[in-house]
Amino acid sequence: MVWIPFVSSSKPEFKNNREARKLCWESRDEYFKCLDKIDIISPIDPKNKSKIKANCSTEENKFEQNCANSWISYFKEKRITDYRNNLIQKKMEQDQLEADMKK
C-alpha cells in the first residue's frame, strides 16, 4: 500500500478572468520596473537571483502570487526576447542611417 499525502499549495489557483489578468499584468509591470532599476534584463539567469532577491523580492512575490506559473515563465522569457529584438531593431536602424549617409 502506498501513502500519498495531500499537498497544499500556498499559491491559490489562478482564475483566468479580466480582473485576475489585470492584476497579473500590473504585478508583472511593477516587477519589471524594479528589474529595470537594478539593470537586470534576464530574471531567469541564476547569477541574477541574489540581486533580484535583495532588491525586488516584494515585487517578485506579488508577480508570482498573482500570475499563473505558465504566464510567469512566458513573461520572463518574453522580456529577454523583447530586449534582444529591440537591440536588433536599433542596430538595423543605425545601419540604415549609415548607409543613407554614404549615398
Protein backbone atom coordinates (compact mmCIF):
# COMPACT_ATOMS: atom_id res chain seq x y z
CA MET A 1 0.00 0.00 0.00
CA VAL A 2 1.28 3.48 -0.88
CA TRP A 3 0.54 6.54 1.17
CA ILE A 4 0.23 9.77 -0.81
CA PRO A 5 -0.11 12.84 1.37
CA PHE A 6 -2.29 15.70 0.33
CA VAL A 7 -0.22 18.62 -0.77
CA SER A 8 -1.46 22.08 -0.02
CA SER A 9 -0.18 24.95 -2.06
CA SER A 10 0.35 28.38 -0.59
CA LYS A 11 -0.45 29.81 -4.02
CA PRO A 12 -4.16 29.95 -4.80
CA GLU A 13 -5.33 28.65 -8.15
CA PHE A 14 -5.13 31.32 -10.87
CA LYS A 15 -8.55 32.41 -12.06
CA ASN A 16 -8.41 33.46 -15.68
CA ASN A 17 -10.83 36.36 -15.72
CA ARG A 18 -10.47 40.03 -16.57
CA GLU A 19 -9.69 41.15 -13.01
CA ALA A 20 -7.12 38.40 -12.47
CA ARG A 21 -5.38 39.15 -15.76
CA LYS A 22 -5.29 42.87 -14.95
CA LEU A 23 -3.80 42.16 -11.52
CA CYS A 24 -1.24 39.81 -13.08
CA TRP A 25 -0.18 42.37 -15.69
CA GLU A 26 0.09 45.12 -13.10
CA SER A 27 2.22 42.88 -10.88
CA ARG A 28 4.39 41.95 -13.86
CA ASP A 29 4.87 45.61 -14.78
CA GLU A 30 5.90 46.51 -11.22
CA TYR A 31 8.32 43.59 -11.10
CA PHE A 32 9.86 44.51 -14.45
CA LYS A 33 10.18 48.18 -13.39
CA CYS A 34 12.13 47.01 -10.37
CA LEU A 35 14.35 44.87 -12.59
CA ASP A 36 14.93 47.89 -14.83
CA LYS A 37 16.02 49.94 -11.82
CA ILE A 38 18.73 47.41 -10.99
CA ASP A 39 19.68 46.86 -14.66
CA ILE A 40 18.64 43.23 -14.93
CA ILE A 41 17.31 42.01 -18.25
CA SER A 42 17.17 38.27 -17.54
CA PRO A 43 15.23 37.29 -14.44
CA ILE A 44 15.83 33.62 -15.28
CA ASP A 45 19.63 33.84 -15.18
CA PRO A 46 20.81 32.21 -11.92
CA LYS A 47 23.59 34.77 -11.46
CA ASN A 48 20.92 37.49 -11.03
CA LYS A 49 18.96 35.62 -8.36
CA SER A 50 20.61 37.17 -5.30
CA LYS A 51 20.43 40.71 -6.69
CA ILE A 52 16.74 40.23 -7.50
CA LYS A 53 16.01 38.83 -4.03
CA ALA A 54 17.85 41.73 -2.39
CA ASN A 55 16.13 44.46 -4.39
CA CYS A 56 12.87 43.16 -5.85
CA SER A 57 11.61 40.40 -3.57
CA THR A 58 8.32 42.15 -2.79
CA GLU A 59 7.55 42.76 -6.46
CA GLU A 60 8.66 39.27 -7.42
CA ASN A 61 6.44 37.69 -4.76
CA LYS A 62 3.41 39.70 -5.92
CA PHE A 63 4.13 38.75 -9.53
CA GLU A 64 4.42 35.07 -8.66
CA GLN A 65 1.35 35.20 -6.42
CA ASN A 66 -0.88 36.98 -8.94
CA CYS A 67 0.02 35.11 -12.13
CA ALA A 68 -0.27 31.55 -13.37
CA ASN A 69 3.04 29.67 -13.42
CA SER A 70 2.91 29.30 -17.20
CA TRP A 71 2.40 33.06 -17.55
CA ILE A 72 5.33 33.79 -15.24
CA SER A 73 7.66 31.69 -17.39
CA TYR A 74 6.28 33.21 -20.57
CA PHE A 75 6.64 36.83 -19.37
CA LYS A 76 10.19 36.28 -18.11
CA GLU A 77 11.29 34.69 -21.39
CA LYS A 78 9.44 37.33 -23.42
CA ARG A 79 11.28 40.08 -21.55
CA ILE A 80 14.59 38.68 -22.78
CA THR A 81 13.30 38.16 -26.33
CA ASP A 82 11.86 41.68 -26.48
CA TYR A 83 15.15 43.14 -25.27
CA ARG A 84 17.11 41.25 -27.93
CA ASN A 85 14.63 42.22 -30.65
CA ASN A 86 14.90 45.85 -29.59
CA LEU A 87 18.70 45.69 -29.88
CA ILE A 88 18.43 44.15 -33.34
CA GLN A 89 15.93 46.82 -34.41
CA LYS A 90 18.20 49.63 -33.18
CA LYS A 91 21.19 48.07 -34.97
CA MET A 92 19.22 47.82 -38.21
CA GLU A 93 18.13 51.46 -37.93
CA GLN A 94 21.70 52.55 -37.25
CA ASP A 95 22.97 50.54 -40.21
CA GLN A 96 20.30 52.12 -42.42
CA LEU A 97 21.27 55.63 -41.28
CA GLU A 98 24.92 54.93 -42.01
CA ALA A 99 24.05 53.53 -45.45
CA ASP A 100 21.90 56.59 -46.22
CA MET A 101 24.72 58.94 -45.19
CA LYS A 102 27.14 57.20 -47.57
CA LYS A 103 24.84 57.76 -50.56
